[in-house]
C-alpha cells in the first residue's frame, strides 16, 4: 500500500513555466480515500466468505474443464516459447539459397500526428517456420497430452525463464532461494497439495519421464517428474553467478561451474533419497543449500565474499550495447534522423536501411543536405 502524490495543474502560465503549486489534500479527503480503500478491501472478504459456504457444497468447475483451460493457455505460451528457443538453431540450418523475406506486423491507433503504435513486430521467414513447427507440437500436446510434447514445452519454458528472468544481486538471490526453500519443504512434507497439483493438472509445468519406457516403449505411463520451479529458480541464481564471473574479467567461470556442479549434486541427492524412501521430495530442500553454499564457501576461500555480495548485475552493460548519455537535437527528414542516430552511436552504417528519403537526400546538393541533421554545437554537447 502506498501513497501517490499528485501535483495540481496551475493556470496556463504556471504550467508552461513549470511553477505549478503543489496541491495539499485536506484531512477529510485523506480520510475519505483511506476509508474507501478499507471498505473495498472488506467487501470481497466478507461477502466472498459468505458465498463460499454455499459454493463448497457443489463444484463450479470440474477438473476436466480446468485442465482444458490450462491446456489452451499453455498451448499459446508453449508455442511462443518453443519458437523462441528454436530460432537460433533455425538460423544455422536455414538454407542459404532460400530467400529469407522480412515481414512486419504493425497495429496503430489514431491517424495523422496523433497516430500511436500499439504493436510493431518484425519477423522473417525463419521465424514463420519456427512458429509452424511449434504449432504442430502444440496441437500434438493438446490432442494427445504425450509426455514428449509436454517435455518440449517444459524445456522451452525453463530455458526462456533462465534466460529472461534476472536477479540483480546475490543477496536477493539468497533471500529468494531461502524463502522458496521453506515454501517447498512445507507444501511437500506438511501437506499433500504440491504432489496433488503436480499429478492432477495436465499442463507442462513439470518435466516427466517414464520409468517403464524399456518395457512399454512410448506408451509408458509410470512417470517420474520434476517441477519447472526446481529448474528455473536455481537456474536464475546460477546465471547470476555466471554474470558475476564475467564481471571479474579473469577469463574464468569458477563460480558458474561450481554452482552448476552443486546443482547436479543436489538433484542427484534428491533422486537418490526419493528412490530410497519411495516418497516425493522437495527438490529445493537439497538444491538450495548446494547451489548457495558451495559458491559462498568458494568466495570465502578466495577472499571474494565481499565482492560477490556487492556485485550488482544491473550495472553490467553487454558488449557493443550503445548507451545514450545525452539526447540529440534532431530536425528534418527521416534520413537526417538516421544520420544523427549514427553520429551518436545508435545506428551503424551497416544496419541502416536504404529508404526513399535516402535517395532523395543523396540527390540534393551538398549545401542543402548539410543543413539537416545534427549541428556542430549539438555534437559538442
Protein backbone atom coordinates (compact mmCIF):
# COMPACT_ATOMS: atom_id res chain seq x y z
CA UNK A 1 0.00 0.00 0.00
CA UNK A 2 1.49 3.31 -0.98
CA UNK A 3 0.60 6.98 -1.05
CA UNK A 4 0.61 8.56 -4.50
CA UNK A 5 1.26 12.29 -4.56
CA UNK A 6 -0.01 14.36 -7.45
CA UNK A 7 0.64 17.97 -8.34
CA UNK A 8 -2.33 20.10 -9.20
CA UNK A 9 -2.24 21.84 -12.54
CA UNK A 10 -2.00 25.59 -12.10
CA UNK A 11 -3.01 28.26 -14.54
CA UNK A 12 -1.66 28.33 -18.06
CA UNK A 13 1.43 30.40 -17.34
CA UNK A 14 2.35 28.29 -14.29
CA UNK A 15 2.07 25.07 -16.31
CA UNK A 16 4.27 26.46 -19.04
CA UNK A 17 6.92 27.79 -16.68
CA UNK A 18 6.88 24.62 -14.55
CA UNK A 19 5.90 26.52 -11.39
CA UNK A 20 2.60 24.80 -10.69
CA UNK A 21 1.79 24.80 -6.99
CA UNK A 22 1.64 21.57 -5.02
CA UNK A 23 -1.86 20.57 -4.02
CA UNK A 24 -2.28 19.60 -0.36
CA UNK A 25 -5.13 17.21 0.38
CA UNK A 26 -7.50 18.09 3.16
CA UNK A 27 -7.91 15.89 6.22
CA UNK A 28 -11.42 14.99 5.08
CA UNK A 29 -10.18 13.94 1.63
CA UNK A 30 -7.43 11.76 3.09
CA UNK A 31 -9.90 10.13 5.49
CA UNK A 32 -12.32 9.50 2.61
CA UNK A 33 -9.60 7.88 0.49
CA UNK A 34 -8.34 5.59 3.25
CA UNK A 35 -11.86 4.72 4.32
CA UNK A 36 -12.81 3.82 0.75
CA UNK A 37 -9.78 1.55 0.41
CA UNK A 38 -10.66 -0.15 3.70
CA UNK A 39 -14.26 -0.65 2.59
CA UNK A 40 -13.26 -2.04 -0.80
CA UNK A 41 -10.90 -4.49 0.89
CA UNK A 42 -13.54 -5.69 3.36
CA UNK A 43 -16.39 -6.17 0.87
CA UNK A 44 -14.93 -9.08 -1.15
CA UNK A 45 -13.65 -10.78 2.00
CA UNK A 46 -16.98 -10.56 3.86
CA UNK A 47 -19.33 -11.46 1.02
CA UNK A 48 -16.89 -13.93 -0.54
CA UNK A 49 -16.70 -15.81 2.76
CA UNK A 50 -20.49 -15.96 2.97
CA UNK A 51 -20.83 -17.20 -0.59
CA UNK A 52 -18.09 -19.79 -0.08
CA UNK A 53 -20.36 -21.68 2.35
CA UNK A 54 -22.86 -22.38 -0.41
CA UNK A 55 -20.24 -22.94 -3.11
CA UNK A 56 -18.40 -25.54 -1.06
CA UNK A 57 -21.39 -27.85 -1.39
CA UNK A 58 -21.16 -28.02 -5.16
CA UNK A 59 -18.39 -27.92 -7.75
CA UNK A 60 -18.38 -24.93 -10.06
CA UNK A 61 -15.74 -26.22 -12.43
CA UNK A 62 -14.80 -29.83 -12.84
CA UNK A 63 -11.19 -30.91 -13.15
CA UNK A 64 -11.81 -31.64 -16.83
CA UNK A 65 -12.69 -28.00 -17.61
CA UNK A 66 -9.78 -26.69 -15.57
CA UNK A 67 -7.38 -28.94 -17.46
CA UNK A 68 -8.88 -27.80 -20.76
CA UNK A 69 -8.43 -24.15 -19.80
CA UNK A 70 -4.84 -24.75 -18.73
CA UNK A 71 -4.15 -26.69 -21.91
CA UNK A 72 -5.26 -23.82 -24.13
CA UNK A 73 -3.38 -21.30 -22.02
CA UNK A 74 -0.14 -23.25 -22.13
CA UNK A 75 -0.69 -24.04 -25.81
CA UNK A 76 -0.28 -20.37 -26.70
CA UNK A 77 2.60 -19.79 -24.30
CA UNK A 78 4.29 -23.05 -25.27
CA UNK A 79 4.18 -22.31 -28.99
CA UNK A 80 5.76 -18.90 -28.47
CA UNK A 81 8.38 -20.19 -26.04
CA UNK A 82 9.33 -23.14 -28.24
CA UNK A 83 9.50 -20.90 -31.31
CA UNK A 84 11.84 -18.51 -29.48
CA UNK A 85 14.00 -21.44 -28.39
CA UNK A 86 14.25 -22.87 -31.91
CA UNK A 87 15.11 -19.56 -33.56
CA UNK A 88 18.93 -19.65 -33.05
CA UNK A 89 19.09 -23.25 -34.32
CA UNK A 90 16.99 -22.36 -37.37
CA UNK A 91 19.39 -19.53 -38.22
CA UNK A 92 22.20 -22.09 -38.51
CA UNK A 93 20.39 -24.73 -40.58
CA UNK A 94 18.32 -22.43 -42.79
CA UNK A 95 19.43 -22.98 -46.43
CA UNK A 96 21.32 -20.03 -47.85
CA UNK A 97 19.67 -20.38 -51.27
CA UNK A 98 16.16 -19.97 -49.82
CA UNK A 99 15.06 -16.33 -49.71
CA UNK A 100 14.53 -15.06 -46.18
CA UNK A 101 11.79 -12.47 -46.55
CA UNK A 102 11.18 -9.80 -43.94
CA UNK A 103 7.71 -9.09 -42.54
CA UNK A 104 6.28 -6.52 -40.18
CA UNK A 105 3.12 -6.67 -38.12
CA UNK A 106 2.06 -3.09 -37.40
CA UNK A 107 -1.02 -2.06 -35.43
CA UNK A 108 -1.63 1.64 -34.82
CA UNK A 109 -4.23 3.80 -33.14
CA UNK A 110 -5.42 7.17 -34.40
CA UNK A 111 -4.36 8.99 -37.54
CA UNK A 112 -2.17 11.86 -38.59
CA UNK A 113 0.00 13.42 -35.91
CA UNK A 114 -1.90 11.59 -33.17
CA UNK A 115 -1.11 8.15 -34.62
CA UNK A 116 0.35 5.86 -31.97
CA UNK A 117 1.96 2.45 -32.43
CA UNK A 118 0.37 -0.32 -30.38
CA UNK A 119 2.15 -3.33 -31.90
CA UNK A 120 5.23 -3.19 -34.11
CA UNK A 121 6.68 -6.68 -34.55
CA UNK A 122 9.24 -7.58 -37.20
CA UNK A 123 9.87 -11.19 -38.23
CA UNK A 124 11.13 -13.18 -41.18
CA UNK A 125 10.68 -16.49 -42.96
CA UNK A 126 12.79 -18.37 -40.41
CA UNK A 127 10.54 -17.14 -37.61
CA UNK A 128 7.46 -18.34 -39.50
CA UNK A 129 8.99 -21.80 -39.92
CA UNK A 130 9.77 -21.98 -36.19
CA UNK A 131 6.23 -20.88 -35.39
CA UNK A 132 4.78 -23.53 -37.72
CA UNK A 133 6.84 -26.35 -36.19
CA UNK A 134 5.97 -25.18 -32.68
CA UNK A 135 2.27 -25.10 -33.58
CA UNK A 136 2.43 -28.72 -34.72
CA UNK A 137 3.96 -29.68 -31.36
CA UNK A 138 1.24 -27.64 -29.63
CA UNK A 139 -1.57 -29.45 -31.44
CA UNK A 140 0.08 -32.77 -30.61
CA UNK A 141 0.19 -31.81 -26.95
CA UNK A 142 -3.44 -30.62 -26.82
CA UNK A 143 -4.80 -33.72 -28.56
CA UNK A 144 -2.61 -36.47 -27.09
CA UNK A 145 -1.03 -34.99 -23.93
CA UNK A 146 2.02 -37.03 -24.85
CA UNK A 147 4.95 -36.79 -22.46
CA UNK A 148 7.41 -35.89 -25.23
CA UNK A 149 5.32 -32.87 -26.26
CA UNK A 150 4.96 -31.95 -22.58
CA UNK A 151 8.74 -32.06 -22.16
CA UNK A 152 9.38 -29.98 -25.28
CA UNK A 153 7.16 -27.22 -23.90
CA UNK A 154 8.57 -27.63 -20.40
CA UNK A 155 12.17 -27.35 -21.58
CA UNK A 156 11.28 -24.27 -23.64
CA UNK A 157 9.63 -22.65 -20.61
CA UNK A 158 12.61 -23.45 -18.40
CA UNK A 159 15.19 -22.21 -20.91
CA UNK A 160 13.35 -18.95 -21.53
CA UNK A 161 12.83 -18.50 -17.80
CA UNK A 162 16.53 -18.81 -17.00
CA UNK A 163 17.38 -16.56 -19.94
CA UNK A 164 14.87 -13.77 -19.35
CA UNK A 165 14.42 -13.69 -15.54
CA UNK A 166 17.34 -11.86 -13.96
CA UNK A 167 18.35 -11.43 -10.32
CA UNK A 168 20.17 -8.16 -9.68
CA UNK A 169 22.44 -9.28 -6.83
CA UNK A 170 23.48 -12.31 -4.80
CA UNK A 171 21.74 -11.12 -1.64
CA UNK A 172 18.38 -11.01 -3.41
CA UNK A 173 19.03 -14.45 -4.83
CA UNK A 174 19.82 -15.90 -1.40
CA UNK A 175 16.65 -14.40 0.09
CA UNK A 176 14.55 -15.74 -2.80
CA UNK A 177 16.01 -19.22 -2.62
CA UNK A 178 15.75 -19.26 1.17
CA UNK A 179 12.07 -18.33 1.10
CA UNK A 180 11.24 -20.90 -1.57
CA UNK A 181 13.26 -23.47 0.38
CA UNK A 182 10.83 -23.14 3.32
CA UNK A 183 7.84 -22.96 0.97
CA UNK A 184 8.76 -26.15 -0.87
CA UNK A 185 9.51 -28.12 2.29
CA UNK A 186 6.22 -27.14 3.92
CA UNK A 187 3.96 -27.88 0.94
CA UNK A 188 5.56 -31.27 0.26
CA UNK A 189 6.08 -32.60 3.78
CA UNK A 190 3.41 -30.62 5.61
CA UNK A 191 0.55 -31.24 3.17
CA UNK A 192 -0.17 -33.21 0.04
CA UNK A 193 -1.15 -30.13 -2.01
CA UNK A 194 2.04 -29.91 -4.07
CA UNK A 195 2.03 -33.57 -5.07
CA UNK A 196 -1.71 -33.50 -5.82
CA UNK A 197 -1.39 -30.45 -8.06
CA UNK A 198 1.58 -31.92 -9.91
CA UNK A 199 -0.29 -35.18 -10.61
CA UNK A 200 -3.74 -33.74 -11.31
CA UNK A 201 -3.18 -30.78 -13.63
CA UNK A 202 -2.39 -31.71 -17.20
CA UNK A 203 -0.14 -28.77 -18.02
CA UNK A 204 3.55 -28.53 -18.97
CA UNK A 205 4.51 -27.21 -15.54
CA UNK A 206 6.81 -30.17 -14.98
CA UNK A 207 9.21 -32.49 -16.78
CA UNK A 208 8.22 -36.15 -16.84
CA UNK A 209 9.92 -39.32 -17.96
CA UNK A 210 8.50 -42.86 -17.87
CA UNK A 211 10.17 -45.38 -15.61
CA UNK A 212 8.71 -48.24 -17.64
CA UNK A 213 9.96 -46.95 -21.01
CA UNK A 214 12.05 -50.07 -21.69
CA UNK A 215 9.08 -52.35 -21.07
CA UNK A 216 6.23 -50.39 -22.70
CA UNK A 217 8.01 -48.03 -25.07
CA UNK A 218 6.49 -44.63 -25.87
CA UNK A 219 3.15 -45.72 -24.37
CA UNK A 220 4.63 -45.94 -20.86
CA UNK A 221 2.56 -44.44 -18.06
CA UNK A 222 4.61 -44.73 -14.84
CA UNK A 223 6.29 -41.34 -14.70
CA UNK A 224 8.94 -39.68 -12.59
CA UNK A 225 8.50 -35.92 -12.55
CA UNK A 226 10.40 -32.73 -11.76
CA UNK A 227 8.72 -29.34 -11.39
CA UNK A 228 9.90 -26.47 -13.57
CA UNK A 229 10.36 -24.33 -10.46
CA UNK A 230 13.12 -26.70 -9.35
CA UNK A 231 14.91 -25.83 -12.60
CA UNK A 232 14.19 -22.15 -13.14
CA UNK A 233 14.67 -20.88 -9.57
CA UNK A 234 18.17 -22.32 -9.06
CA UNK A 235 18.88 -21.63 -12.74
CA UNK A 236 18.48 -17.87 -12.49
CA UNK A 237 20.81 -17.86 -9.47
CA UNK A 238 23.41 -19.87 -11.40
CA UNK A 239 23.05 -17.45 -14.33
CA UNK A 240 23.68 -14.56 -11.90
CA UNK A 241 26.93 -16.21 -10.79
CA UNK A 242 27.96 -16.58 -14.43
CA UNK A 243 27.48 -12.83 -14.94
CA UNK A 244 29.50 -12.27 -11.77
CA UNK A 245 32.28 -14.38 -13.27
CA UNK A 246 32.20 -12.22 -16.40
CA UNK A 247 32.36 -9.04 -14.31
CA UNK A 248 35.58 -10.23 -12.64
CA UNK A 249 37.29 -10.19 -16.08
CA UNK A 250 39.56 -13.10 -15.17
CA UNK A 251 38.57 -15.27 -18.16
CA UNK A 252 37.36 -17.96 -15.77
CA UNK A 253 33.93 -19.34 -14.93
CA UNK A 254 34.78 -20.65 -11.47
CA UNK A 255 31.57 -19.68 -9.67
CA UNK A 256 29.39 -20.77 -12.56
CA UNK A 257 30.94 -24.24 -12.79
CA UNK A 258 30.92 -24.60 -9.01
CA UNK A 259 27.21 -23.77 -8.74
CA UNK A 260 26.41 -25.89 -11.80
CA UNK A 261 28.16 -28.94 -10.30
CA UNK A 262 26.46 -28.18 -6.99
CA UNK A 263 23.09 -28.30 -8.78
CA UNK A 264 23.97 -31.70 -10.24
CA UNK A 265 24.95 -32.92 -6.77
CA UNK A 266 21.74 -31.58 -5.18
CA UNK A 267 19.47 -33.02 -7.86
CA UNK A 268 21.25 -36.37 -7.72
CA UNK A 269 20.82 -36.43 -3.94
CA UNK A 270 17.09 -35.65 -4.38
CA UNK A 271 16.64 -38.55 -6.79
CA UNK A 272 18.59 -40.93 -4.53
CA UNK A 273 16.53 -40.11 -1.41
CA UNK A 274 13.27 -40.20 -3.35
CA UNK A 275 14.11 -43.64 -4.75
CA UNK A 276 15.31 -44.93 -1.37
CA UNK A 277 12.32 -43.80 0.72
CA UNK A 278 9.70 -44.11 -2.05
CA UNK A 279 8.27 -40.69 -1.21
CA UNK A 280 8.08 -37.39 -3.08
CA UNK A 281 10.85 -35.00 -2.10
CA UNK A 282 11.03 -31.18 -2.17
CA UNK A 283 13.95 -30.74 -4.57
CA UNK A 284 14.76 -27.25 -3.25
CA UNK A 285 15.50 -28.85 0.14
CA UNK A 286 18.70 -30.20 -1.39
CA UNK A 287 19.26 -27.77 -4.27
CA UNK A 288 19.24 -24.52 -2.30
CA UNK A 289 21.96 -25.45 0.25
CA UNK A 290 24.11 -26.86 -2.54
CA UNK A 291 23.70 -24.02 -5.07
CA UNK A 292 24.16 -21.29 -2.44
CA UNK A 293 26.55 -22.97 -0.02
CA UNK A 294 29.27 -24.13 -2.40
CA UNK A 295 29.76 -20.78 -4.23
CA UNK A 296 29.70 -18.86 -0.93
CA UNK A 297 32.32 -21.19 0.56
CA UNK A 298 34.42 -20.78 -2.58
CA UNK A 299 34.18 -16.98 -2.38
CA UNK A 300 35.14 -17.11 1.29
CA UNK A 301 38.16 -19.27 0.46
CA UNK A 302 39.27 -16.94 -2.36
CA UNK A 303 38.67 -13.78 -0.34
CA UNK A 304 35.98 -12.51 -2.75
CA UNK A 305 32.94 -12.80 -0.49
CA UNK A 306 32.52 -9.03 -0.09
CA UNK A 307 32.95 -8.53 -3.82
CA UNK A 308 30.35 -11.21 -4.55
CA UNK A 309 27.67 -9.71 -2.31
CA UNK A 310 28.38 -6.17 -3.52
CA UNK A 311 28.04 -7.15 -7.18
CA UNK A 312 25.07 -5.57 -8.98
CA UNK A 313 24.01 -7.29 -12.19
CA UNK A 314 22.12 -4.20 -13.35
CA UNK A 315 25.43 -2.33 -13.66
CA UNK A 316 26.67 -4.67 -16.35
CA UNK A 317 26.44 -3.47 -19.93
CA UNK A 318 26.67 -6.06 -22.66
CA UNK A 319 29.44 -5.61 -25.25
CA UNK A 320 28.55 -3.41 -28.22
CA UNK A 321 25.48 -2.08 -26.41
CA UNK A 322 25.05 1.65 -27.22
CA UNK A 323 24.41 3.98 -24.33
CA UNK A 324 22.88 7.39 -24.84
CA UNK A 325 24.32 9.87 -22.33
CA UNK A 326 22.60 12.94 -23.75
CA UNK A 327 19.78 13.47 -26.18
CA UNK A 328 20.50 14.79 -29.68
CA UNK A 329 18.56 17.65 -31.19
CA UNK A 330 17.20 16.39 -34.49
CA UNK A 331 15.13 18.07 -37.13
CA UNK A 332 14.44 17.43 -40.77
CA UNK A 333 13.69 14.31 -42.77
CA UNK A 334 13.81 10.70 -41.58
CA UNK A 335 17.17 10.42 -43.34
CA UNK A 336 18.62 13.19 -41.18
CA UNK A 337 17.27 11.37 -38.12
CA UNK A 338 19.18 8.26 -39.19
CA UNK A 339 22.33 10.34 -39.71
CA UNK A 340 22.08 11.85 -36.26
CA UNK A 341 21.48 8.44 -34.66
CA UNK A 342 24.58 7.18 -36.46
CA UNK A 343 26.65 10.09 -35.14
CA UNK A 344 25.62 9.25 -31.59
CA UNK A 345 26.45 5.56 -31.99
CA UNK A 346 22.82 4.39 -32.03
CA UNK A 347 22.86 3.25 -35.64
CA UNK A 348 25.76 1.75 -37.53
CA UNK A 349 26.13 2.30 -41.27
CA UNK A 350 25.80 -1.43 -41.83
CA UNK A 351 22.43 -1.67 -40.06
CA UNK A 352 20.92 1.40 -41.67
CA UNK A 353 18.25 0.62 -44.22
CA UNK A 354 18.11 2.37 -47.59
CA UNK A 355 14.83 4.29 -47.76
CA UNK A 356 13.32 6.50 -50.46
CA UNK A 357 14.19 9.53 -48.36
CA UNK A 358 17.86 8.48 -48.56
CA UNK A 359 17.70 8.59 -52.35
CA UNK A 360 16.05 11.99 -52.20
CA UNK A 361 18.68 13.37 -49.85
CA UNK A 362 21.57 11.97 -51.84
CA UNK A 363 20.23 13.77 -54.91
CA UNK A 364 20.30 17.14 -53.12
CA UNK A 365 23.27 19.49 -53.39
CA UNK A 366 25.87 19.13 -50.69
CA UNK A 367 25.00 22.52 -49.17
CA UNK A 368 21.31 21.67 -48.83
CA UNK A 369 21.87 18.27 -47.24
CA UNK A 370 24.34 19.70 -44.71
CA UNK A 371 21.61 21.95 -43.29
CA UNK A 372 19.73 18.94 -41.95
CA UNK A 373 20.73 16.66 -39.13
CA UNK A 374 22.75 17.43 -36.03
CA UNK A 375 24.58 20.74 -35.85
CA UNK A 376 28.15 21.03 -34.65
CA UNK A 377 27.01 22.72 -31.46
CA UNK A 378 24.70 19.77 -30.80
CA UNK A 379 27.54 17.31 -31.23
CA UNK A 380 29.66 19.19 -28.73
CA UNK A 381 27.03 18.92 -26.02
